[in-house]
Amino acid sequence: MIPSPFRFHGHNSVRYVYAHGKAIRTPQATMKWVANDRRQEPRISVVVSKKVLKSAVGRNRIRRRIYEYVHTRLPYLNGVYDIVIIVTSAELRLMPASELQELIEQLFVKANLYK
């Protein structure tokens, strides 16, 4: 699990990112982000809808796998951002770890969020 300072608390912050954030899309996931100058730590959220995967166990597995990788990459961000990763394909549940890491890395590089 990602530490508390890096999490969103409440739905309104996530809604703000949905409404005002920039987006990068791949067939398996979408990443929305917005710069947040009022915070000192970036925040991250992973959203997996019931429409994507009915099983709560499967949705939580996808979330944990993405959080595990993203947590190691947070120190390399070039600023403080609110980031929401929206999973649009259930194949991330069974995707090999190397491919999943490559997909997430690709999202961050396309978004130009690294130093």
PDB file of N, CA and C in Angstrom:
ATOM      1  N   MET A   1       0.842  -1.180   0.000  1.00  0.00           N
ATOM      2  CA  MET A   1       0.000   0.000   0.000  1.00  0.00           C
ATOM      3  C   MET A   1       0.888   1.244   0.000  1.00  0.00           C
ATOM      4  N   ILE A   2       0.391   2.248  -0.586  1.00  0.00           N
ATOM      5  CA  ILE A   2       1.133   3.505  -0.678  1.00  0.00           C
ATOM      6  C   ILE A   2       0.950   4.282   0.631  1.00  0.00           C
ATOM      7  N   PRO A   3       1.995   4.935   1.144  1.00  0.00           N
ATOM      8  CA  PRO A   3       1.880   5.667   2.415  1.00  0.00           C
ATOM      9  C   PRO A   3       0.833   6.783   2.363  1.00  0.00           C
ATOM     10  N   SER A   4       0.292   7.123   3.505  1.00  0.00           N
ATOM     11  CA  SER A   4      -0.798   8.084   3.622  1.00  0.00           C
ATOM     12  C   SER A   4      -0.529   9.456   2.993  1.00  0.00           C
ATOM     13  N   PRO A   5       0.669  10.047   3.123  1.00  0.00           N
ATOM     14  CA  PRO A   5       0.872  11.377   2.504  1.00  0.00           C
ATOM     15  C   PRO A   5       0.763  11.364   0.979  1.00  0.00           C
ATOM     16  N   PHE A   6       0.880  10.195   0.370  1.00  0.00           N
ATOM     17  CA  PHE A   6       0.824  10.094  -1.084  1.00  0.00           C
ATOM     18  C   PHE A   6      -0.546   9.676  -1.601  1.00  0.00           C
ATOM     19  N   ARG A   7      -1.532   9.562  -0.709  1.00  0.00           N
ATOM     20  CA  ARG A   7      -2.879   9.134  -1.096  1.00  0.00           C
ATOM     21  C   ARG A   7      -3.827  10.319  -1.172  1.00  0.00           C
ATOM     22  N   PHE A   8      -4.885  10.141  -1.952  1.00  0.00           N
ATOM     23  CA  PHE A   8      -5.993  11.089  -1.959  1.00  0.00           C
ATOM     24  C   PHE A   8      -6.882  10.778  -0.763  1.00  0.00           C
ATOM     25  N   HIS A   9      -7.424  11.817  -0.143  1.00  0.00           N
ATOM     26  CA  HIS A   9      -8.360  11.642   0.960  1.00  0.00           C
ATOM     27  C   HIS A   9      -9.641  12.369   0.580  1.00  0.00           C
ATOM     28  N   GLY A  10     -10.644  11.616   0.210  1.00  0.00           N
ATOM     29  CA  GLY A  10     -11.910  12.198  -0.215  1.00  0.00           C
ATOM     30  C   GLY A  10     -12.043  12.171  -1.735  1.00  0.00           C
ATOM     31  N   HIS A  11     -13.264  12.248  -2.197  1.00  0.00           N
ATOM     32  CA  HIS A  11     -13.546  12.127  -3.625  1.00  0.00           C
ATOM     33  C   HIS A  11     -13.407  13.437  -4.382  1.00  0.00           C
ATOM     34  N   ASN A  12     -13.524  14.571  -3.695  1.00  0.00           N
ATOM     35  CA  ASN A  12     -13.496  15.844  -4.409  1.00  0.00           C
ATOM     36  C   ASN A  12     -12.148  16.110  -5.073  1.00  0.00           C
ATOM     37  N   SER A  13     -11.065  15.691  -4.457  1.00  0.00           N
ATOM     38  CA  SER A  13      -9.752  15.881  -5.063  1.00  0.00           C
ATOM     39  C   SER A  13      -9.627  15.067  -6.339  1.00  0.00           C
ATOM     40  N   VAL A  14     -10.144  13.849  -6.316  1.00  0.00           N
ATOM     41  CA  VAL A  14     -10.108  13.005  -7.511  1.00  0.00           C
ATOM     42  C   VAL A  14     -11.000  13.609  -8.591  1.00  0.00           C
ATOM     43  N   ARG A  15     -12.144  14.117  -8.209  1.00  0.00           N
ATOM     44  CA  ARG A  15     -13.041  14.765  -9.173  1.00  0.00           C
ATOM     45  C   ARG A  15     -12.370  15.966  -9.824  1.00  0.00           C
ATOM     46  N   TYR A  16     -11.596  16.720  -9.044  1.00  0.00           N
ATOM     47  CA  TYR A  16     -10.881  17.874  -9.594  1.00  0.00           C
ATOM     48  C   TYR A  16      -9.889  17.423 -10.662  1.00  0.00           C
ATOM     49  N   VAL A  17      -9.178  16.342 -10.411  1.00  0.00           N
ATOM     50  CA  VAL A  17      -8.221  15.825 -11.398  1.00  0.00           C
ATOM     51  C   VAL A  17      -8.963  15.356 -12.649  1.00  0.00           C
ATOM     52  N   TYR A  18     -10.107  14.685 -12.470  1.00  0.00           N
ATOM     53  CA  TYR A  18     -10.906  14.267 -13.618  1.00  0.00           C
ATOM     54  C   TYR A  18     -11.312  15.468 -14.474  1.00  0.00           C
ATOM     55  N   ALA A  19     -11.745  16.527 -13.819  1.00  0.00           N
ATOM     56  CA  ALA A  19     -12.282  17.683 -14.536  1.00  0.00           C
ATOM     57  C   ALA A  19     -11.199  18.567 -15.150  1.00  0.00           C
ATOM     58  N   HIS A  20     -10.082  18.753 -14.463  1.00  0.00           N
ATOM     59  CA  HIS A  20      -9.090  19.736 -14.896  1.00  0.00           C
ATOM     60  C   HIS A  20      -7.760  19.138 -15.336  1.00  0.00           C
ATOM     61  N   GLY A  21      -7.601  17.840 -15.201  1.00  0.00           N
ATOM     62  CA  GLY A  21      -6.313  17.218 -15.492  1.00  0.00           C
ATOM     63  C   GLY A  21      -6.077  16.949 -16.969  1.00  0.00           C
ATOM     64  N   LYS A  22      -4.820  16.822 -17.309  1.00  0.00           N
ATOM     65  CA  LYS A  22      -4.421  16.404 -18.655  1.00  0.00           C
ATOM     66  C   LYS A  22      -4.431  14.881 -18.678  1.00  0.00           C
ATOM     67  N   ALA A  23      -4.606  14.297 -19.873  1.00  0.00           N
ATOM     68  CA  ALA A  23      -4.751  12.842 -19.951  1.00  0.00           C
ATOM     69  C   ALA A  23      -3.812  12.244 -20.988  1.00  0.00           C
ATOM     70  N   ILE A  24      -3.314  11.064 -20.656  1.00  0.00           N
ATOM     71  CA  ILE A  24      -2.557  10.216 -21.576  1.00  0.00           C
ATOM     72  C   ILE A  24      -3.278   8.867 -21.584  1.00  0.00           C
ATOM     73  N   ARG A  25      -3.527   8.331 -22.769  1.00  0.00           N
ATOM     74  CA  ARG A  25      -4.280   7.081 -22.868  1.00  0.00           C
ATOM     75  C   ARG A  25      -3.468   5.997 -23.553  1.00  0.00           C
ATOM     76  N   THR A  26      -3.631   4.784 -23.057  1.00  0.00           N
ATOM     77  CA  THR A  26      -3.155   3.577 -23.726  1.00  0.00           C
ATOM     78  C   THR A  26      -4.357   2.635 -23.766  1.00  0.00           C
ATOM     79  N   PRO A  27      -4.285   1.551 -24.507  1.00  0.00           N
ATOM     80  CA  PRO A  27      -5.440   0.635 -24.536  1.00  0.00           C
ATOM     81  C   PRO A  27      -5.777   0.024 -23.173  1.00  0.00           C
ATOM     82  N   GLN A  28      -4.792  -0.099 -22.267  1.00  0.00           N
ATOM     83  CA  GLN A  28      -5.036  -0.742 -20.974  1.00  0.00           C
ATOM     84  C   GLN A  28      -5.318   0.241 -19.850  1.00  0.00           C
ATOM     85  N   ALA A  29      -4.841   1.487 -19.961  1.00  0.00           N
ATOM     86  CA  ALA A  29      -4.987   2.434 -18.850  1.00  0.00           C
ATOM     87  C   ALA A  29      -4.942   3.871 -19.350  1.00  0.00           C
ATOM     88  N   THR A  30      -5.489   4.749 -18.537  1.00  0.00           N
ATOM     89  CA  THR A  30      -5.446   6.186 -18.778  1.00  0.00           C
ATOM     90  C   THR A  30      -4.848   6.832 -17.543  1.00  0.00           C
ATOM     91  N   MET A  31      -4.003   7.843 -17.746  1.00  0.00           N
ATOM     92  CA  MET A  31      -3.454   8.579 -16.616  1.00  0.00           C
ATOM     93  C   MET A  31      -3.855  10.035 -16.750  1.00  0.00           C
ATOM     94  N   LYS A  32      -4.444  10.570 -15.686  1.00  0.00           N
ATOM     95  CA  LYS A  32      -4.783  11.989 -15.622  1.00  0.00           C
ATOM     96  C   LYS A  32      -3.948  12.611 -14.523  1.00  0.00           C
ATOM     97  N   TRP A  33      -3.468  13.814 -14.755  1.00  0.00           N
ATOM     98  CA  TRP A  33      -2.650  14.483 -13.750  1.00  0.00           C
ATOM     99  C   TRP A  33      -2.853  15.985 -13.830  1.00  0.00           C
ATOM    100  N   VAL A  34      -2.602  16.622 -12.695  1.00  0.00           N
ATOM    101  CA  VAL A  34      -2.650  18.080 -12.604  1.00  0.00           C
ATOM    102  C   VAL A  34      -1.600  18.499 -11.570  1.00  0.00           C
ATOM    103  N   ALA A  35      -0.902  19.589 -11.843  1.00  0.00           N
ATOM    104  CA  ALA A  35       0.100  20.107 -10.897  1.00  0.00           C
ATOM    105  C   ALA A  35      -0.616  20.657  -9.668  1.00  0.00           C
ATOM    106  N   ASN A  36      -0.022  20.472  -8.500  1.00  0.00           N
ATOM    107  CA  ASN A  36      -0.614  20.938  -7.251  1.00  0.00           C
ATOM    108  C   ASN A  36       0.460  21.663  -6.437  1.00  0.00           C
ATOM    109  N   ASP A  37       0.467  22.972  -6.508  1.00  0.00           N
ATOM    110  CA  ASP A  37       1.482  23.773  -5.818  1.00  0.00           C
ATOM    111  C   ASP A  37       1.222  23.899  -4.323  1.00  0.00           C
ATOM    112  N   ARG A  38       0.032  23.544  -3.874  1.00  0.00           N
ATOM    113  CA  ARG A  38      -0.307  23.696  -2.452  1.00  0.00           C
ATOM    114  C   ARG A  38       0.155  22.532  -1.591  1.00  0.00           C
ATOM    115  N   ARG A  39       0.668  21.494  -2.213  1.00  0.00           N
ATOM    116  CA  ARG A  39       1.133  20.322  -1.457  1.00  0.00           C
ATOM    117  C   ARG A  39       2.641  20.177  -1.589  1.00  0.00           C
ATOM    118  N   GLN A  40       3.212  19.399  -0.681  1.00  0.00           N
ATOM    119  CA  GLN A  40       4.651  19.151  -0.725  1.00  0.00           C
ATOM    120  C   GLN A  40       4.966  17.752  -1.234  1.00  0.00           C
ATOM    121  N   GLU A  41       3.987  16.866  -1.236  1.00  0.00           N
ATOM    122  CA  GLU A  41       4.161  15.494  -1.708  1.00  0.00           C
ATOM    123  C   GLU A  41       3.154  15.221  -2.820  1.00  0.00           C
ATOM    124  N   PRO A  42       3.550  14.469  -3.845  1.00  0.00           N
ATOM    125  CA  PRO A  42       2.582  14.100  -4.881  1.00  0.00           C
ATOM    126  C   PRO A  42       1.552  13.114  -4.327  1.00  0.00           C
ATOM    127  N   ARG A  43       0.373  13.113  -4.939  1.00  0.00           N
ATOM    128  CA  ARG A  43      -0.662  12.158  -4.546  1.00  0.00           C
ATOM    129  C   ARG A  43      -0.985  11.275  -5.735  1.00  0.00           C
ATOM    130  N   ILE A  44      -1.295  10.022  -5.459  1.00  0.00           N
ATOM    131  CA  ILE A  44      -1.574   9.061  -6.524  1.00  0.00           C
ATOM    132  C   ILE A  44      -2.806   8.234  -6.161  1.00  0.00           C
ATOM    133  N   SER A  45      -3.584   7.906  -7.169  1.00  0.00           N
ATOM    134  CA  SER A  45      -4.741   7.047  -6.970  1.00  0.00           C
ATOM    135  C   SER A  45      -4.868   6.126  -8.180  1.00  0.00           C
ATOM    136  N   VAL A  46      -5.313   4.910  -7.938  1.00  0.00           N
ATOM    137  CA  VAL A  46      -5.570   3.958  -9.014  1.00  0.00           C
ATOM    138  C   VAL A  46      -7.049   3.606  -8.952  1.00  0.00           C
ATOM    139  N   VAL A  47      -7.736   3.762 -10.069  1.00  0.00           N
ATOM    140  CA  VAL A  47      -9.174   3.516 -10.138  1.00  0.00           C
ATOM    141  C   VAL A  47      -9.424   2.339 -11.074  1.00  0.00           C
ATOM    142  N   VAL A  48     -10.094   1.316 -10.538  1.00  0.00           N
ATOM    143  CA  VAL A  48     -10.485   0.152 -11.340  1.00  0.00           C
ATOM    144  C   VAL A  48     -11.985  -0.015 -11.159  1.00  0.00           C
ATOM    145  N   SER A  49     -12.733   0.180 -12.216  1.00  0.00           N
ATOM    146  CA  SER A  49     -14.192   0.132 -12.162  1.00  0.00           C
ATOM    147  C   SER A  49     -14.709  -1.300 -12.121  1.00  0.00           C
ATOM    148  N   LYS A  50     -15.909  -1.453 -11.594  1.00  0.00           N
ATOM    149  CA  LYS A  50     -16.571  -2.758 -11.619  1.00  0.00           C
ATOM    150  C   LYS A  50     -16.881  -3.178 -13.052  1.00  0.00           C
ATOM    151  N   LYS A  51     -17.023  -2.202 -13.947  1.00  0.00           N
ATOM    152  CA  LYS A  51     -17.267  -2.542 -15.351  1.00  0.00           C
ATOM    153  C   LYS A  51     -16.053  -3.219 -15.968  1.00  0.00           C
ATOM    154  N   VAL A  52     -14.866  -2.893 -15.460  1.00  0.00           N
ATOM    155  CA  VAL A  52     -13.637  -3.500 -15.975  1.00  0.00           C
ATOM    156  C   VAL A  52     -13.478  -4.911 -15.429  1.00  0.00           C
ATOM    157  N   LEU A  53     -13.703  -5.076 -14.127  1.00  0.00           N
ATOM    158  CA  LEU A  53     -13.511  -6.379 -13.485  1.00  0.00           C
ATOM    159  C   LEU A  53     -14.504  -6.494 -12.330  1.00  0.00           C
ATOM    160  N   LYS A  54     -15.369  -7.477 -12.390  1.00  0.00           N
ATOM    161  CA  LYS A  54     -16.416  -7.629 -11.379  1.00  0.00           C
ATOM    162  C   LYS A  54     -15.876  -7.993 -10.006  1.00  0.00           C
ATOM    163  N   SER A  55     -14.837  -8.786  -9.954  1.00  0.00           N
ATOM    164  CA  SER A  55     -14.315  -9.312  -8.706  1.00  0.00           C
ATOM    165  C   SER A  55     -13.530  -8.253  -7.928  1.00  0.00           C
ATOM    166  N   ALA A  56     -13.911  -8.014  -6.674  1.00  0.00           N
ATOM    167  CA  ALA A  56     -13.181  -7.062  -5.825  1.00  0.00           C
ATOM    168  C   ALA A  56     -11.750  -7.525  -5.584  1.00  0.00           C
ATOM    169  N   VAL A  57     -11.567  -8.828  -5.477  1.00  0.00           N
ATOM    170  CA  VAL A  57     -10.229  -9.377  -5.270  1.00  0.00           C
ATOM    171  C   VAL A  57      -9.337  -9.029  -6.464  1.00  0.00           C
ATOM    172  N   GLY A  58      -9.863  -9.175  -7.660  1.00  0.00           N
ATOM    173  CA  GLY A  58      -9.109  -8.855  -8.871  1.00  0.00           C
ATOM    174  C   GLY A  58      -8.811  -7.368  -8.992  1.00  0.00           C
ATOM    175  N   ARG A  59      -9.817  -6.531  -8.677  1.00  0.00           N
ATOM    176  CA  ARG A  59      -9.601  -5.077  -8.732  1.00  0.00           C
ATOM    177  C   ARG A  59      -8.527  -4.653  -7.741  1.00  0.00           C
ATOM    178  N   ASN A  60      -8.576  -5.198  -6.534  1.00  0.00           N
ATOM    179  CA  ASN A  60      -7.576  -4.855  -5.521  1.00  0.00           C
ATOM    180  C   ASN A  60      -6.191  -5.361  -5.907  1.00  0.00           C
ATOM    181  N   ARG A  61      -6.124  -6.492  -6.565  1.00  0.00           N
ATOM    182  CA  ARG A  61      -4.828  -7.024  -7.012  1.00  0.00           C
ATOM    183  C   ARG A  61      -4.187  -6.075  -8.026  1.00  0.00           C
ATOM    184  N   ILE A  62      -4.987  -5.597  -8.975  1.00  0.00           N
ATOM    185  CA  ILE A  62      -4.477  -4.637  -9.967  1.00  0.00           C
ATOM    186  C   ILE A  62      -3.969  -3.385  -9.260  1.00  0.00           C
ATOM    187  N   ARG A  63      -4.781  -2.863  -8.331  1.00  0.00           N
ATOM    188  CA  ARG A  63      -4.387  -1.663  -7.581  1.00  0.00           C
ATOM    189  C   ARG A  63      -3.066  -1.862  -6.861  1.00  0.00           C
ATOM    190  N   ARG A  64      -2.941  -2.961  -6.150  1.00  0.00           N
ATOM    191  CA  ARG A  64      -1.706  -3.230  -5.387  1.00  0.00           C
ATOM    192  C   ARG A  64      -0.500  -3.351  -6.292  1.00  0.00           C
ATOM    193  N   ARG A  65      -0.652  -4.006  -7.426  1.00  0.00           N
ATOM    194  CA  ARG A  65       0.473  -4.161  -8.349  1.00  0.00           C
ATOM    195  C   ARG A  65       0.928  -2.801  -8.888  1.00  0.00           C
ATOM    196  N   ILE A  66      -0.019  -1.947  -9.232  1.00  0.00           N
ATOM    197  CA  ILE A  66       0.342  -0.623  -9.756  1.00  0.00           C
ATOM    198  C   ILE A  66       0.947   0.236  -8.655  1.00  0.00           C
ATOM    199  N   TYR A  67       0.345   0.242  -7.463  1.00  0.00           N
ATOM    200  CA  TYR A  67       0.892   1.023  -6.344  1.00  0.00           C
ATOM    201  C   TYR A  67       2.322   0.598  -6.009  1.00  0.00           C
ATOM    202  N   GLU A  68       2.580  -0.702  -6.067  1.00  0.00           N
ATOM    203  CA  GLU A  68       3.908  -1.209  -5.738  1.00  0.00           C
ATOM    204  C   GLU A  68       4.969  -0.591  -6.644  1.00  0.00           C
ATOM    205  N   TYR A  69       4.672  -0.518  -7.924  1.00  0.00           N
ATOM    206  CA  TYR A  69       5.649   0.043  -8.851  1.00  0.00           C
ATOM    207  C   TYR A  69       5.713   1.571  -8.751  1.00  0.00           C
ATOM    208  N   VAL A  70       4.565   2.226  -8.688  1.00  0.00           N
ATOM    209  CA  VAL A  70       4.525   3.689  -8.669  1.00  0.00           C
ATOM    210  C   VAL A  70       5.221   4.241  -7.428  1.00  0.00           C
ATOM    211  N   HIS A  71       5.097   3.547  -6.306  1.00  0.00           N
ATOM    212  CA  HIS A  71       5.728   4.013  -5.069  1.00  0.00           C
ATOM    213  C   HIS A  71       7.239   4.141  -5.232  1.00  0.00           C
ATOM    214  N   THR A  72       7.849   3.258  -6.002  1.00  0.00           N
ATOM    215  CA  THR A  72       9.300   3.336  -6.210  1.00  0.00           C
ATOM    216  C   THR A  72       9.673   4.464  -7.167  1.00  0.00           C
ATOM    217  N   ARG A  73       8.736   4.941  -7.968  1.00  0.00           N
ATOM    218  CA  ARG A  73       9.021   5.967  -8.973  1.00  0.00           C
ATOM    219  C   ARG A  73       8.706   7.380  -8.513  1.00  0.00           C
ATOM    220  N   LEU A  74       8.020   7.557  -7.394  1.00  0.00           N
ATOM    221  CA  LEU A  74       7.633   8.893  -6.928  1.00  0.00           C
ATOM    222  C   LEU A  74       8.814   9.845  -6.715  1.00  0.00           C
ATOM    223  N   PRO A  75       9.965   9.397  -6.208  1.00  0.00           N
ATOM    224  CA  PRO A  75      11.080  10.346  -6.033  1.00  0.00           C
ATOM    225  C   PRO A  75      11.605  10.941  -7.338  1.00  0.00           C
ATOM    226  N   TYR A  76      11.292  10.337  -8.468  1.00  0.00           N
ATOM    227  CA  TYR A  76      11.814  10.809  -9.749  1.00  0.00           C
ATOM    228  C   TYR A  76      10.903  11.816 -10.439  1.00  0.00           C
ATOM    229  N   LEU A  77       9.767  12.158  -9.831  1.00  0.00           N
ATOM    230  CA  LEU A  77       8.865  13.136 -10.433  1.00  0.00           C
ATOM    231  C   LEU A  77       9.515  14.515 -10.431  1.00  0.00           C
ATOM    232  N   ASN A  78       9.215  15.309 -11.464  1.00  0.00           N
ATOM    233  CA  ASN A  78       9.822  16.630 -11.584  1.00  0.00           C
ATOM    234  C   ASN A  78       9.015  17.734 -10.902  1.00  0.00           C
ATOM    235  N   GLY A  79       8.008  17.387 -10.143  1.00  0.00           N
ATOM    236  CA  GLY A  79       7.192  18.358  -9.427  1.00  0.00           C
ATOM    237  C   GLY A  79       6.183  17.647  -8.549  1.00  0.00           C
ATOM    238  N   VAL A  80       5.268  18.421  -7.996  1.00  0.00           N
ATOM    239  CA  VAL A  80       4.218  17.854  -7.147  1.00  0.00           C
ATOM    240  C   VAL A  80       2.944  17.782  -7.982  1.00  0.00           C
ATOM    241  N   TYR A  81       2.456  16.577  -8.175  1.00  0.00           N
ATOM    242  CA  TYR A  81       1.289  16.345  -9.021  1.00  0.00           C
ATOM    243  C   TYR A  81       0.250  15.527  -8.273  1.00  0.00           C
ATOM    244  N   ASP A  82      -1.002  15.711  -8.684  1.00  0.00           N
ATOM    245  CA  ASP A  82      -2.079  14.809  -8.312  1.00  0.00           C
ATOM    246  C   ASP A  82      -2.291  13.913  -9.530  1.00  0.00           C
ATOM    247  N   ILE A  83      -2.107  12.608  -9.341  1.00  0.00           N
ATOM    248  CA  ILE A  83      -2.132  11.667 -10.457  1.00  0.00           C
ATOM    249  C   ILE A  83      -3.197  10.609 -10.199  1.00  0.00           C
ATOM    250  N   VAL A  84      -4.015  10.354 -11.216  1.00  0.00           N
ATOM    251  CA  VAL A  84      -5.020   9.293 -11.147  1.00  0.00           C
ATOM    252  C   VAL A  84      -4.783   8.365 -12.332  1.00  0.00           C
ATOM    253  N   ILE A  85      -4.569   7.083 -12.045  1.00  0.00           N
ATOM    254  CA  ILE A  85      -4.426   6.075 -13.085  1.00  0.00           C
ATOM    255  C   ILE A  85      -5.732   5.299 -13.145  1.00  0.00           C
ATOM    256  N   ILE A  86      -6.379   5.343 -14.309  1.00  0.00           N
ATOM    257  CA  ILE A  86      -7.670   4.703 -14.508  1.00  0.00           C
ATOM    258  C   ILE A  86      -7.439   3.458 -15.361  1.00  0.00           C
ATOM    259  N   VAL A  87      -7.701   2.308 -14.798  1.00  0.00           N
ATOM    260  CA  VAL A  87      -7.502   1.043 -15.499  1.00  0.00           C
ATOM    261  C   VAL A  87      -8.719   0.781 -16.380  1.00  0.00           C
ATOM    262  N   THR A  88      -8.467   0.500 -17.665  1.00  0.00           N
ATOM    263  CA  THR A  88      -9.568   0.278 -18.605  1.00  0.00           C
ATOM    264  C   THR A  88      -9.587  -1.130 -19.168  1.00  0.00           C
ATOM    265  N   SER A  89      -8.678  -2.002 -18.686  1.00  0.00           N
ATOM    266  CA  SER A  89      -8.627  -3.370 -19.190  1.00  0.00           C
ATOM    267  C   SER A  89      -8.295  -4.336 -18.058  1.00  0.00           C
ATOM    268  N   ALA A  90      -9.034  -5.432 -17.994  1.00  0.00           N
ATOM    269  CA  ALA A  90      -8.818  -6.430 -16.947  1.00  0.00           C
ATOM    270  C   ALA A  90      -7.543  -7.238 -17.175  1.00  0.00           C
ATOM    271  N   GLU A  91      -6.927  -7.118 -18.334  1.00  0.00           N
ATOM    272  CA  GLU A  91      -5.726  -7.899 -18.608  1.00  0.00           C
ATOM    273  C   GLU A  91      -4.538  -7.477 -17.745  1.00  0.00           C
ATOM    274  N   LEU A  92      -4.599  -6.342 -17.077  1.00  0.00           N
ATOM    275  CA  LEU A  92      -3.522  -5.925 -16.171  1.00  0.00           C
ATOM    276  C   LEU A  92      -3.411  -6.863 -14.975  1.00  0.00           C
ATOM    277  N   ARG A  93      -4.477  -7.559 -14.654  1.00  0.00           N
ATOM    278  CA  ARG A  93      -4.465  -8.472 -13.510  1.00  0.00           C
ATOM    279  C   ARG A  93      -3.484  -9.617 -13.722  1.00  0.00           C
ATOM    280  N   LEU A  94      -3.415 -10.134 -14.942  1.00  0.00           N
ATOM    281  CA  LEU A  94      -2.563 -11.283 -15.236  1.00  0.00           C
ATOM    282  C   LEU A  94      -1.313 -10.915 -16.041  1.00  0.00           C
ATOM    283  N   MET A  95      -1.156  -9.642 -16.358  1.00  0.00           N
ATOM    284  CA  MET A  95      -0.004  -9.193 -17.137  1.00  0.00           C
ATOM    285  C   MET A  95       1.287  -9.427 -16.356  1.00  0.00           C
ATOM    286  N   PRO A  96       2.349  -9.906 -17.015  1.00  0.00           N
ATOM    287  CA  PRO A  96       3.626 -10.067 -16.314  1.00  0.00           C
ATOM    288  C   PRO A  96       4.121  -8.742 -15.732  1.00  0.00           C
ATOM    289  N   ALA A  97       4.827  -8.818 -14.627  1.00  0.00           N
ATOM    290  CA  ALA A  97       5.270  -7.617 -13.915  1.00  0.00           C
ATOM    291  C   ALA A  97       6.103  -6.707 -14.799  1.00  0.00           C
ATOM    292  N   SER A  98       6.952  -7.273 -15.630  1.00  0.00           N
ATOM    293  CA  SER A  98       7.810  -6.443 -16.481  1.00  0.00           C
ATOM    294  C   SER A  98       6.981  -5.640 -17.483  1.00  0.00           C
ATOM    295  N   GLU A  99       5.941  -6.251 -18.047  1.00  0.00           N
ATOM    296  CA  GLU A  99       5.074  -5.536 -18.988  1.00  0.00           C
ATOM    297  C   GLU A  99       4.265  -4.452 -18.279  1.00  0.00           C
ATOM    298  N   LEU A 100       3.787  -4.752 -17.082  1.00  0.00           N
ATOM    299  CA  LEU A 100       3.031  -3.766 -16.317  1.00  0.00           C
ATOM    300  C   LEU A 100       3.910  -2.563 -15.975  1.00  0.00           C
ATOM    301  N   GLN A 101       5.138  -2.832 -15.548  1.00  0.00           N
ATOM    302  CA  GLN A 101       6.063  -1.742 -15.233  1.00  0.00           C
ATOM    303  C   GLN A 101       6.361  -0.913 -16.474  1.00  0.00           C
ATOM    304  N   GLU A 102       6.513  -1.565 -17.601  1.00  0.00           N
ATOM    305  CA  GLU A 102       6.777  -0.855 -18.852  1.00  0.00           C
ATOM    306  C   GLU A 102       5.591   0.029 -19.227  1.00  0.00           C
ATOM    307  N   LEU A 103       4.367  -0.474 -19.022  1.00  0.00           N
ATOM    308  CA  LEU A 103       3.161   0.297 -19.328  1.00  0.00           C
ATOM    309  C   LEU A 103       3.076   1.544 -18.449  1.00  0.00           C
ATOM    310  N   ILE A 104       3.285   1.386 -17.152  1.00  0.00           N
ATOM    311  CA  ILE A 104       3.209   2.525 -16.228  1.00  0.00           C
ATOM    312  C   ILE A 104       4.334   3.516 -16.526  1.00  0.00           C
ATOM    313  N   GLU A 105       5.516   2.996 -16.785  1.00  0.00           N
ATOM    314  CA  GLU A 105       6.655   3.852 -17.121  1.00  0.00           C
ATOM    315  C   GLU A 105       6.355   4.659 -18.389  1.00  0.00           C
ATOM    316  N   GLN A 106       5.750   4.011 -19.360  1.00  0.00           N
ATOM    317  CA  GLN A 106       5.386   4.666 -20.612  1.00  0.00           C
ATOM    318  C   GLN A 106       4.412   5.822 -20.354  1.00  0.00           C
ATOM    319  N   LEU A 107       3.448   5.621 -19.469  1.00  0.00           N
ATOM    320  CA  LEU A 107       2.500   6.692 -19.135  1.00  0.00           C
ATOM    321  C   LEU A 107       3.222   7.895 -18.532  1.00  0.00           C
ATOM    322  N   PHE A 108       4.123   7.639 -17.578  1.00  0.00           N
ATOM    323  CA  PHE A 108       4.840   8.737 -16.930  1.00  0.00           C
ATOM    324  C   PHE A 108       5.768   9.462 -17.905  1.00  0.00           C
ATOM    325  N   VAL A 109       6.410   8.729 -18.801  1.00  0.00           N
ATOM    326  CA  VAL A 109       7.319   9.357 -19.766  1.00  0.00           C
ATOM    327  C   VAL A 109       6.530  10.187 -20.774  1.00  0.00           C
ATOM    328  N   LYS A 110       5.419   9.647 -21.283  1.00  0.00           N
ATOM    329  CA  LYS A 110       4.584  10.399 -22.235  1.00  0.00           C
ATOM    330  C   LYS A 110       4.047  11.673 -21.598  1.00  0.00           C
ATOM    331  N   ALA A 111       3.745  11.613 -20.317  1.00  0.00           N
ATOM    332  CA  ALA A 111       3.206  12.779 -19.612  1.00  0.00           C
ATOM    333  C   ALA A 111       4.301  13.786 -19.261  1.00  0.00           C
ATOM    334  N   ASN A 112       5.556  13.395 -19.455  1.00  0.00           N
ATOM    335  CA  ASN A 112       6.687  14.283 -19.183  1.00  0.00           C
ATOM    336  C   ASN A 112       6.759  14.671 -17.701  1.00  0.00           C
ATOM    337  N   LEU A 113       6.556  13.696 -16.819  1.00  0.00           N
ATOM    338  CA  LEU A 113       6.529  13.959 -15.373  1.00  0.00           C
ATOM    339  C   LEU A 113       7.842  13.662 -14.685  1.00  0.00           C
ATOM    340  N   TYR A 114       8.807  13.092 -15.404  1.00  0.00           N
ATOM    341  CA  TYR A 114      10.100  12.749 -14.792  1.00  0.00           C
ATOM    342  C   TYR A 114      11.097  13.878 -14.943  1.00  0.00           C
ATOM    343  N   LYS A 115      12.064  13.901 -14.016  1.00  0.00           N
ATOM    344  CA  LYS A 115      13.145  14.886 -14.070  1.00  0.00           C
ATOM    345  C   LYS A 115      14.018  14.642 -15.271  1.00  0.00           C
TER     346      LYS A 115
END
